Amino acid sequence: MSVGIIGILYGLGTLLFMFSGMPIAFALGSIAVLFMFIFMPASSLDTVTLNVYEEMANITLLSVPLFILKGAAIGKSRAGADLYLAIHAWMHKIPGGLGIANVFASALFAAMSGSSPATCSAIGSAGIPEMRARGYSPRFAAGIIAAGGTLGILLPPSIVMILFSVAAEQSLGRLFLAGIGPGILMVVLFSGYAAFRYKKEYKEALDTYNQGGRKSAYLEAMELTLYDKFRLLPRVVPFVTLLVGVMVALYGGFATPSETAGLGGILALCLIALIYRMWRPSQLKPILSGTLKESTMLMFIIGMSLLYSYVMSYLHISQSAAEAIVALSLSKWALLSVILLMVVVLGFFLPPVSIILMTAPIILPPLKAAGFDLIWFGVVMTIVMEMGLIHPPVGLNIFVIKNIAPDIPLKDIIWGVIPFVGLMMFAVLLICLFPGIATWFPDMIYGMSGK
C-alpha cells in the first residue's frame, strides 16, 4: 500500500476516532497503536510505553505542571478580581478606561497564570458585572473579556509555547521573549478598540437621554479618592513582583525554565497564604486537585500526540506530506497562508496543544526550507490558535464567558468577540510585514545566532 493511501487512512481514522466522542488523548493513542499493529513490525508494540515515556521525559515538559500549579494558585484566589479593581481605580477617568482596565488586567493575569480560561473566569467574574453596571453593553463586556483571555497562551509563561519549543526544537527562552512584542501589540489594539467602542456607546446613550429616554449609567461620573486608589495596591503589588521575579530568574540566567516554574509555583502558594489566608488543607485541596487533573490531562495529550507523530514519521506520512507541500512550488507567503488557514480550520475542532503536536512534523520542514524563522512562526501560529479560543463553533473562552454570565445570550457573546478576531488577523498581518515585532527582543537579549 502506498504512503499516500496510508496517510489518507490515518487522517480519516483520526477524524473518526475524535468525532466518536473519545477523549483526544485516547483517540490519538488508539489510532497510533492500531496503525502500529497493522503496518509496523509486531515488536514495535512492545515499545509503546517506552516511546511515550521517553518523549514525556523531556526536561522542558517538567515546567508544564509547575506552571499549571502557579496558575491554579493565583486563579483560585481573589488575585484576579483585586488586580482588575486596582487597574480600574487608576484608569476609570480615561475614555473607555473600564474596558481598557479589563484588557490590562487580563494581560497581567494571563502572564501570571498562563491560562486563557482561568483569565476569563478570574477577570470576567469581576469585570463583566462592573462594566454592565456602568452602562457598557453585555455584548462588548463579554467580547473584551473573552478576547483578553486569549493573551494567556501568548504572554510568557505560555504552556502552548513550551510545547511548540519542544516540537520545533527551538529555544524556549527566545520563544517566550518573542511573544512579548506581539502581546503588547494586541493589548494596544484591544485597548484602542475599547476606547473607540466606548465613545460610540457613550454617544448613543447621550443621544437617547437628550431625546427624553432613560439616563444610562454611562453618563454617571465615577469618583474615587486617592486613598481608594492606593488602598488596593498592597494586594496586587506582590503578584506583579512575582511575575517580574520569575521573568528575571528565567532571562537573567539564574534558573532553567523548570526551576523557574517550580519557584513560581511555590511563591504563588506562599503569596495566597499570606495575602488571602489560603493555607488550610480544605482551601488548598481545589488548587492541588485542579493542578493534578489539568496536568494529567495535558500530559496524556502530549504523550499520545508524540506517539501519534512518531507513527506518522515511521510510516513516512509526515515526510511525504511535507514533500508534497514543497512540490506544490508555492511562493513563500502563499505557503505560509495555506498552513495558517489549515491551523484556523483545525482550531474549529482541536485545542492548541493537539494542533501543535499533530502538525509540527508536517508543516515545520517546509517552512524552514522556505526560510522562515521558526521562533517567529511560533508566535504567529500562537496568535492564529488564539483565534480558535474565541471563534465558533468550539471557542472555549466563549463558553467560559457563558458560564460566568449565563444571562448574556450566546449570540451576543459571539458577536462581541468578532471584532477582536479581526484585530488578531490585523496583528498577524503586521507581524508578517514587520517581523521585528516578534524577533527584535529575543535577538537583542540572545543575539542573532539563535535563529
Protein backbone atom coordinates (compact mmCIF):
# COMPACT_ATOMS: atom_id res chain seq x y z
CA MET A 1 0.00 0.00 0.00
CA SER A 2 1.39 3.43 -0.95
CA VAL A 3 2.35 6.01 1.66
CA GLY A 4 -0.29 8.40 0.27
CA ILE A 5 -3.13 5.91 0.86
CA ILE A 6 -1.81 5.06 4.33
CA GLY A 7 -1.68 8.78 5.12
CA ILE A 8 -5.26 9.33 3.96
CA LEU A 9 -6.45 6.36 6.04
CA TYR A 10 -4.50 7.70 9.03
CA GLY A 11 -6.17 11.10 8.71
CA LEU A 12 -9.68 9.69 8.22
CA GLY A 13 -9.18 7.27 11.11
CA THR A 14 -8.11 10.14 13.35
CA LEU A 15 -11.25 12.14 12.49
CA LEU A 16 -13.44 9.07 13.03
CA PHE A 17 -11.98 8.40 16.48
CA MET A 18 -12.23 12.05 17.52
CA PHE A 19 -15.80 12.53 16.35
CA SER A 20 -16.81 9.35 18.17
CA GLY A 21 -16.64 11.37 21.38
CA MET A 22 -13.50 9.67 22.64
CA PRO A 23 -11.15 11.96 24.65
CA ILE A 24 -8.48 13.47 22.40
CA ALA A 25 -5.58 11.72 24.15
CA PHE A 26 -7.15 8.27 23.79
CA ALA A 27 -8.28 8.97 20.21
CA LEU A 28 -4.73 9.84 19.14
CA GLY A 29 -3.23 6.95 21.08
CA SER A 30 -5.74 4.44 19.76
CA ILE A 31 -5.29 5.31 16.09
CA ALA A 32 -1.50 5.29 16.54
CA VAL A 33 -1.50 1.83 18.16
CA LEU A 34 -3.93 0.50 15.53
CA PHE A 35 -1.65 1.57 12.68
CA MET A 36 1.38 0.22 14.53
CA PHE A 37 -0.40 -3.15 14.74
CA ILE A 38 -1.34 -3.16 11.03
CA PHE A 39 1.62 -1.52 9.29
CA MET A 40 4.60 -1.79 11.63
CA PRO A 41 6.56 -4.80 12.95
CA ALA A 42 4.87 -6.63 15.81
CA SER A 43 7.83 -5.85 18.05
CA SER A 44 7.03 -2.11 17.77
CA LEU A 45 4.02 -2.60 20.05
CA ASP A 46 6.40 -3.61 22.82
CA THR A 47 7.96 -0.15 22.66
CA VAL A 48 4.75 1.92 23.01
CA THR A 49 5.19 2.65 26.70
CA LEU A 50 8.92 3.27 26.26
CA ASN A 51 8.33 5.71 23.38
CA VAL A 52 5.69 7.64 25.29
CA TYR A 53 7.84 7.76 28.43
CA GLU A 54 10.96 8.89 26.56
CA GLU A 55 9.07 11.68 24.80
CA MET A 56 7.44 12.88 28.03
CA ALA A 57 10.75 12.72 29.92
CA ASN A 58 11.88 15.89 28.14
CA ILE A 59 13.12 18.19 30.91
CA THR A 60 11.34 21.18 29.36
CA LEU A 61 7.98 19.45 29.84
CA LEU A 62 8.63 19.31 33.59
CA SER A 63 7.75 23.01 33.68
CA VAL A 64 4.21 22.35 32.42
CA PRO A 65 2.60 21.00 35.66
CA LEU A 66 4.61 23.52 37.71
CA PHE A 67 3.33 26.48 35.69
CA ILE A 68 -0.17 24.98 35.96
CA LEU A 69 0.26 24.89 39.77
CA LYS A 70 1.28 28.57 39.74
CA GLY A 71 -1.71 29.47 37.59
CA ALA A 72 -4.14 27.44 39.73
CA ALA A 73 -2.90 29.06 42.94
CA ILE A 74 -3.42 32.56 41.52
CA GLY A 75 -6.59 31.70 39.60
CA LYS A 76 -8.44 30.23 42.58
CA SER A 77 -7.74 33.22 44.82
CA ARG A 78 -9.11 36.76 44.61
CA ALA A 79 -5.92 37.92 42.89
CA GLY A 80 -7.66 38.38 39.55
CA ALA A 81 -10.52 40.45 40.97
CA ASP A 82 -8.14 42.58 43.05
CA LEU A 83 -5.86 43.14 40.06
CA TYR A 84 -8.80 44.26 37.94
CA LEU A 85 -10.17 46.59 40.64
CA ALA A 86 -6.76 48.20 41.19
CA ILE A 87 -6.24 48.90 37.48
CA HIS A 88 -9.83 50.10 37.16
CA ALA A 89 -9.34 52.54 40.05
CA TRP A 90 -6.40 54.19 38.30
CA MET A 91 -7.84 54.20 34.76
CA HIS A 92 -11.53 54.97 35.27
CA LYS A 93 -11.23 58.58 34.03
CA ILE A 94 -9.73 57.57 30.68
CA PRO A 95 -12.36 57.30 27.88
CA GLY A 96 -13.16 53.61 27.79
CA GLY A 97 -10.98 53.19 30.88
CA LEU A 98 -13.11 50.39 32.26
CA GLY A 99 -12.72 48.34 29.09
CA ILE A 100 -9.01 49.17 28.90
CA ALA A 101 -8.63 48.14 32.54
CA ASN A 102 -10.08 44.75 31.61
CA VAL A 103 -7.51 44.38 28.82
CA PHE A 104 -4.57 45.31 31.06
CA ALA A 105 -5.83 43.13 33.92
CA SER A 106 -6.30 40.21 31.51
CA ALA A 107 -2.78 40.67 30.14
CA LEU A 108 -1.15 40.79 33.60
CA PHE A 109 -3.23 37.92 34.95
CA ALA A 110 -2.57 35.85 31.82
CA ALA A 111 1.15 36.42 32.28
CA MET A 112 0.87 35.25 35.89
CA SER A 113 -1.36 32.23 35.29
CA GLY A 114 -0.56 31.19 31.70
CA SER A 115 -4.16 30.04 31.24
CA SER A 116 -6.78 31.58 28.98
CA PRO A 117 -9.85 30.01 30.66
CA ALA A 118 -8.52 30.97 34.11
CA THR A 119 -8.02 34.56 32.94
CA CYS A 120 -11.53 34.76 31.51
CA SER A 121 -13.02 33.37 34.71
CA ALA A 122 -10.97 35.44 37.18
CA ILE A 123 -11.17 38.80 35.38
CA GLY A 124 -14.64 38.23 33.92
CA SER A 125 -16.24 37.44 37.28
CA ALA A 126 -15.40 40.96 38.45
CA GLY A 127 -15.15 42.81 35.13
CA ILE A 128 -18.39 41.85 33.37
CA PRO A 129 -20.76 42.84 36.23
CA GLU A 130 -18.84 46.11 36.73
CA MET A 131 -18.92 47.00 33.04
CA ARG A 132 -22.63 46.25 32.78
CA ALA A 133 -23.33 48.26 35.93
CA ARG A 134 -21.53 51.22 34.31
CA GLY A 135 -23.69 51.03 31.19
CA TYR A 136 -21.46 49.02 28.84
CA SER A 137 -23.41 46.70 26.55
CA PRO A 138 -23.37 42.99 27.51
CA ARG A 139 -22.04 42.19 24.02
CA PHE A 140 -18.98 44.42 24.42
CA ALA A 141 -18.35 43.38 28.04
CA ALA A 142 -18.38 39.69 27.12
CA GLY A 143 -16.31 40.20 23.97
CA ILE A 144 -13.47 42.12 25.60
CA ILE A 145 -13.10 39.63 28.46
CA ALA A 146 -13.13 36.62 26.11
CA ALA A 147 -10.55 38.28 23.87
CA GLY A 148 -8.39 39.39 26.78
CA GLY A 149 -8.27 35.80 27.98
CA THR A 150 -6.60 34.69 24.75
CA LEU A 151 -3.44 36.52 25.83
CA GLY A 152 -2.88 33.62 28.23
CA ILE A 153 -1.24 31.48 25.54
CA LEU A 154 0.83 34.30 24.03
CA LEU A 155 2.43 36.02 27.01
CA PRO A 156 5.04 34.04 28.98
CA PRO A 157 4.87 31.65 30.69
CA SER A 158 2.78 30.00 27.97
CA ILE A 159 2.24 26.24 28.07
CA VAL A 160 1.43 26.29 24.34
CA MET A 161 4.80 27.91 23.63
CA ILE A 162 6.55 25.34 25.83
CA LEU A 163 5.10 22.59 23.65
CA PHE A 164 5.98 24.41 20.43
CA SER A 165 9.58 24.78 21.60
CA VAL A 166 9.73 21.02 22.20
CA ALA A 167 8.07 20.11 18.88
CA ALA A 168 10.17 22.59 16.86
CA GLU A 169 13.35 22.03 18.90
CA GLN A 170 13.69 25.79 19.46
CA SER A 171 14.89 27.80 22.44
CA LEU A 172 12.11 28.27 24.98
CA GLY A 173 13.68 31.47 26.30
CA ARG A 174 13.74 33.03 22.82
CA LEU A 175 10.17 31.91 22.18
CA PHE A 176 8.93 33.43 25.44
CA LEU A 177 10.64 36.73 24.65
CA ALA A 178 9.28 36.69 21.09
CA GLY A 179 5.74 36.65 22.47
CA ILE A 180 6.15 39.88 24.46
CA GLY A 181 6.20 42.32 21.50
CA PRO A 182 3.10 40.81 19.81
CA GLY A 183 1.44 40.58 23.23
CA ILE A 184 1.93 44.31 23.77
CA LEU A 185 0.71 44.95 20.20
CA MET A 186 -2.52 43.06 20.89
CA VAL A 187 -3.02 44.87 24.21
CA VAL A 188 -2.70 48.19 22.33
CA LEU A 189 -5.12 47.06 19.59
CA PHE A 190 -7.68 45.76 22.10
CA SER A 191 -7.38 48.95 24.20
CA GLY A 192 -7.79 51.14 21.12
CA TYR A 193 -10.95 49.28 20.17
CA ALA A 194 -12.21 49.60 23.76
CA ALA A 195 -11.81 53.40 23.60
CA PHE A 196 -13.48 53.53 20.16
CA ARG A 197 -16.39 51.35 21.28
CA TYR A 198 -16.81 53.39 24.47
CA LYS A 199 -17.14 56.64 22.52
CA LYS A 200 -19.71 55.04 20.24
CA GLU A 201 -21.83 53.61 23.07
CA TYR A 202 -21.46 56.81 25.13
CA LYS A 203 -22.75 58.92 22.21
CA GLU A 204 -25.70 56.56 21.74
CA ALA A 205 -26.50 56.76 25.48
CA LEU A 206 -26.24 60.58 25.42
CA ASP A 207 -28.47 60.88 22.33
CA THR A 208 -31.07 58.62 23.95
CA TYR A 209 -31.04 60.73 27.13
CA ASN A 210 -31.29 64.03 25.21
CA GLN A 211 -34.31 62.70 23.37
CA GLY A 212 -36.11 62.03 26.64
CA GLY A 213 -35.01 58.47 27.20
CA ARG A 214 -33.62 57.00 30.41
CA LYS A 215 -30.27 58.14 31.74
CA SER A 216 -27.71 55.40 31.19
CA ALA A 217 -25.11 54.56 33.81
CA TYR A 218 -22.65 55.58 31.10
CA LEU A 219 -23.46 59.18 31.93
CA GLU A 220 -22.86 58.81 35.66
CA ALA A 221 -19.47 60.14 36.79
CA MET A 222 -17.44 57.81 38.99
CA GLU A 223 -15.26 59.42 41.63
CA LEU A 224 -12.52 57.66 43.60
CA THR A 225 -10.28 59.29 46.19
CA LEU A 226 -6.52 58.91 46.23
CA TYR A 227 -6.99 56.73 49.31
CA ASP A 228 -9.28 54.40 47.32
CA LYS A 229 -6.64 54.08 44.62
CA PHE A 230 -3.76 53.28 46.96
CA ARG A 231 -5.84 51.01 49.19
CA LEU A 232 -5.97 48.31 46.50
CA LEU A 233 -2.26 48.24 45.69
CA PRO A 234 -0.91 46.15 48.62
CA ARG A 235 -2.77 43.06 47.39
CA VAL A 236 -1.68 43.50 43.78
CA VAL A 237 1.98 44.51 44.04
CA PRO A 238 3.20 41.13 45.44
CA PHE A 239 1.76 39.22 42.48
CA VAL A 240 3.20 41.67 39.94
CA THR A 241 6.52 41.35 41.80
CA LEU A 242 6.22 37.56 41.46
CA LEU A 243 5.70 37.93 37.72
CA VAL A 244 8.74 40.20 37.36
CA GLY A 245 10.84 37.98 39.63
CA VAL A 246 10.05 34.84 37.60
CA MET A 247 10.95 36.63 34.37
CA VAL A 248 14.22 37.95 35.83
CA ALA A 249 15.16 34.49 37.11
CA LEU A 250 14.46 32.94 33.70
CA TYR A 251 16.03 35.53 31.41
CA GLY A 252 18.79 36.55 33.76
CA GLY A 253 20.19 33.02 33.57
CA PHE A 254 19.64 32.39 37.26
CA ALA A 255 17.34 29.39 36.70
CA THR A 256 16.20 26.98 33.99
CA PRO A 257 12.54 27.10 32.80
CA SER A 258 11.70 24.11 35.03
CA GLU A 259 13.38 25.67 38.06
CA THR A 260 11.64 28.96 37.34
CA ALA A 261 8.28 27.20 37.12
CA GLY A 262 8.89 25.45 40.46
CA LEU A 263 9.93 28.72 42.08
CA GLY A 264 6.86 30.47 40.69
CA GLY A 265 4.53 27.73 41.94
CA ILE A 266 5.94 27.76 45.48
CA LEU A 267 5.95 31.57 45.71
CA ALA A 268 2.37 31.74 44.41
CA LEU A 269 1.24 29.33 47.14
CA CYS A 270 3.14 31.43 49.73
CA LEU A 271 1.53 34.65 48.49
CA ILE A 272 -2.05 33.38 48.61
CA ALA A 273 -1.34 32.02 52.11
CA LEU A 274 -0.04 35.40 53.32
CA ILE A 275 -2.44 37.71 51.47
CA TYR A 276 -5.68 35.70 51.33
CA ARG A 277 -5.08 33.33 54.26
CA MET A 278 -5.45 30.34 51.95
CA TRP A 279 -3.30 27.77 53.75
CA ARG A 280 -5.71 25.25 55.23
CA PRO A 281 -5.89 21.78 53.58
CA SER A 282 -9.54 22.37 52.62
CA GLN A 283 -8.55 25.58 50.81
CA LEU A 284 -5.52 24.08 49.10
CA LYS A 285 -7.35 20.93 48.00
CA PRO A 286 -9.11 22.58 44.98
CA ILE A 287 -5.78 24.09 43.86
CA LEU A 288 -3.84 20.84 44.10
CA SER A 289 -6.61 18.62 42.70
CA GLY A 290 -7.20 21.07 39.83
CA THR A 291 -3.49 21.11 39.07
CA LEU A 292 -3.34 17.30 39.15
CA LYS A 293 -6.35 16.89 36.85
CA GLU A 294 -5.24 19.50 34.30
CA SER A 295 -1.62 18.32 34.33
CA THR A 296 -2.63 14.67 33.91
CA MET A 297 -4.99 15.51 31.04
CA LEU A 298 -2.38 17.68 29.32
CA MET A 299 0.47 15.20 29.77
CA PHE A 300 -1.73 12.40 28.41
CA ILE A 301 -2.44 14.51 25.33
CA ILE A 302 1.25 15.33 24.97
CA GLY A 303 2.34 11.71 25.33
CA MET A 304 -0.24 10.34 22.91
CA SER A 305 0.30 13.18 20.43
CA LEU A 306 4.02 12.44 20.37
CA LEU A 307 3.28 8.71 19.84
CA TYR A 308 0.91 9.76 17.05
CA SER A 309 3.68 11.86 15.47
CA TYR A 310 6.19 9.00 15.88
CA VAL A 311 3.94 6.64 13.91
CA MET A 312 3.46 9.32 11.23
CA SER A 313 7.22 9.65 10.94
CA TYR A 314 7.91 5.87 10.92
CA LEU A 315 5.37 5.32 8.14
CA HIS A 316 6.81 8.34 6.25
CA ILE A 317 3.44 10.06 6.30
CA SER A 318 4.79 13.35 7.70
CA GLN A 319 7.83 13.32 5.39
CA SER A 320 5.67 12.59 2.33
CA ALA A 321 3.15 15.28 3.31
CA ALA A 322 5.98 17.80 3.76
CA GLU A 323 7.46 16.82 0.38
CA ALA A 324 4.03 17.16 -1.24
CA ILE A 325 3.67 20.67 0.18
CA VAL A 326 7.12 21.61 -1.13
CA ALA A 327 6.29 20.06 -4.53
CA LEU A 328 3.38 22.49 -4.91
CA SER A 329 6.09 25.12 -5.53
CA LEU A 330 4.09 27.75 -3.68
CA SER A 331 5.67 31.09 -3.04
CA LYS A 332 6.97 31.71 0.46
CA TRP A 333 3.95 33.70 1.59
CA ALA A 334 1.41 31.50 -0.20
CA LEU A 335 2.87 28.53 1.70
CA LEU A 336 2.50 30.39 4.99
CA SER A 337 -1.09 31.38 4.13
CA VAL A 338 -2.09 27.79 3.32
CA ILE A 339 -0.55 26.49 6.55
CA LEU A 340 -2.18 29.18 8.71
CA LEU A 341 -5.54 28.52 7.03
CA MET A 342 -5.15 24.84 7.93
CA VAL A 343 -4.41 25.86 11.55
CA VAL A 344 -7.57 28.01 11.59
CA VAL A 345 -9.69 25.09 10.36
CA LEU A 346 -8.14 22.70 12.89
CA GLY A 347 -8.91 25.31 15.55
CA PHE A 348 -12.61 24.68 14.91
CA PHE A 349 -12.24 21.22 16.47
CA LEU A 350 -8.95 20.86 18.36
CA PRO A 351 -7.19 22.60 21.26
CA PRO A 352 -3.86 24.37 20.56
CA VAL A 353 -1.85 21.60 22.25
CA SER A 354 -3.08 18.95 19.84
CA ILE A 355 -2.73 21.22 16.80
CA ILE A 356 0.95 21.87 17.54
CA LEU A 357 1.96 18.29 18.26
CA MET A 358 -0.02 16.81 15.35
CA THR A 359 1.03 19.29 12.66
CA ALA A 360 4.63 20.10 13.64
CA PRO A 361 6.23 17.15 11.76
CA ILE A 362 4.38 18.15 8.58
CA ILE A 363 4.49 21.95 8.48
CA LEU A 364 7.83 22.85 10.08
CA PRO A 365 10.21 21.29 7.49
CA PRO A 366 8.65 23.17 4.51
CA LEU A 367 8.56 26.40 6.50
CA LYS A 368 12.21 26.03 7.49
CA ALA A 369 13.14 25.22 3.89
CA ALA A 370 11.28 28.35 2.75
CA GLY A 371 13.49 30.44 5.03
CA PHE A 372 11.03 31.27 7.82
CA ASP A 373 12.35 31.84 11.33
CA LEU A 374 10.61 29.13 13.39
CA ILE A 375 10.66 31.32 16.51
CA TRP A 376 8.78 33.99 14.56
CA PHE A 377 6.40 31.39 13.13
CA GLY A 378 5.73 30.01 16.62
CA VAL A 379 4.40 33.41 17.67
CA VAL A 380 2.29 33.81 14.51
CA MET A 381 0.88 30.30 14.91
CA THR A 382 0.09 31.00 18.57
CA ILE A 383 -1.95 34.11 17.66
CA VAL A 384 -3.83 32.15 14.99
CA MET A 385 -4.58 29.43 17.53
CA GLU A 386 -5.75 32.15 19.95
CA MET A 387 -8.49 32.90 17.44
CA GLY A 388 -9.69 29.34 17.92
CA LEU A 389 -10.38 30.16 21.57
CA ILE A 390 -12.95 32.82 20.65
CA HIS A 391 -14.36 31.87 17.26
CA PRO A 392 -17.24 29.43 16.81
CA PRO A 393 -18.07 26.58 16.72
CA VAL A 394 -15.82 25.47 19.61
CA GLY A 395 -14.36 28.71 21.06
CA LEU A 396 -13.53 27.63 24.62
CA ASN A 397 -13.48 31.18 26.01
CA ILE A 398 -16.97 31.80 24.62
CA PHE A 399 -18.35 29.03 26.82
CA VAL A 400 -16.33 30.20 29.84
CA ILE A 401 -17.98 33.63 29.49
CA LYS A 402 -21.38 32.00 29.06
CA ASN A 403 -20.77 30.11 32.30
CA ILE A 404 -19.89 33.22 34.35
CA ALA A 405 -22.58 35.42 32.71
CA PRO A 406 -25.41 32.98 31.86
CA ASP A 407 -27.92 35.78 31.21
CA ILE A 408 -25.95 37.08 28.20
CA PRO A 409 -27.23 35.28 25.07
CA LEU A 410 -24.65 33.13 23.31
CA LYS A 411 -25.37 35.08 20.11
CA ASP A 412 -24.34 38.34 21.79
CA ILE A 413 -21.11 36.80 23.12
CA ILE A 414 -20.20 35.55 19.64
CA TRP A 415 -20.92 38.91 18.02
CA GLY A 416 -18.97 40.57 20.81
CA VAL A 417 -15.78 38.63 20.01
CA ILE A 418 -15.92 39.01 16.22
CA PRO A 419 -14.20 42.46 16.18
CA PHE A 420 -11.37 41.01 18.27
CA VAL A 421 -10.90 38.14 15.80
CA GLY A 422 -10.48 40.84 13.16
CA LEU A 423 -7.92 42.64 15.33
CA MET A 424 -5.97 39.39 15.75
CA MET A 425 -5.90 38.94 11.99
CA PHE A 426 -4.62 42.50 11.67
CA ALA A 427 -1.94 41.75 14.28
CA VAL A 428 -0.81 38.70 12.28
CA LEU A 429 -0.59 40.87 9.14
CA LEU A 430 1.52 43.48 10.97
CA ILE A 431 3.88 40.80 12.33
CA CYS A 432 4.28 39.38 8.82
CA LEU A 433 5.06 42.84 7.42
CA PHE A 434 7.28 43.78 10.36
CA PRO A 435 8.74 40.53 11.79
CA GLY A 436 10.91 42.56 14.15
CA ILE A 437 7.82 42.99 16.36
CA ALA A 438 8.42 39.39 17.43
CA THR A 439 12.13 38.90 16.80
CA TRP A 440 13.68 42.17 17.98
CA PHE A 441 13.52 41.45 21.72
CA PRO A 442 14.95 37.88 21.68
CA ASP A 443 17.62 38.97 19.17
CA MET A 444 18.61 41.82 21.50
CA ILE A 445 18.88 39.51 24.52
CA TYR A 446 20.29 36.35 22.92
CA GLY A 447 21.88 37.73 19.77
CA MET A 448 21.23 36.85 16.13
CA SER A 449 22.93 33.46 16.26
CA GLY A 450 19.87 31.77 17.77
CA LYS A 451 17.95 31.89 14.50
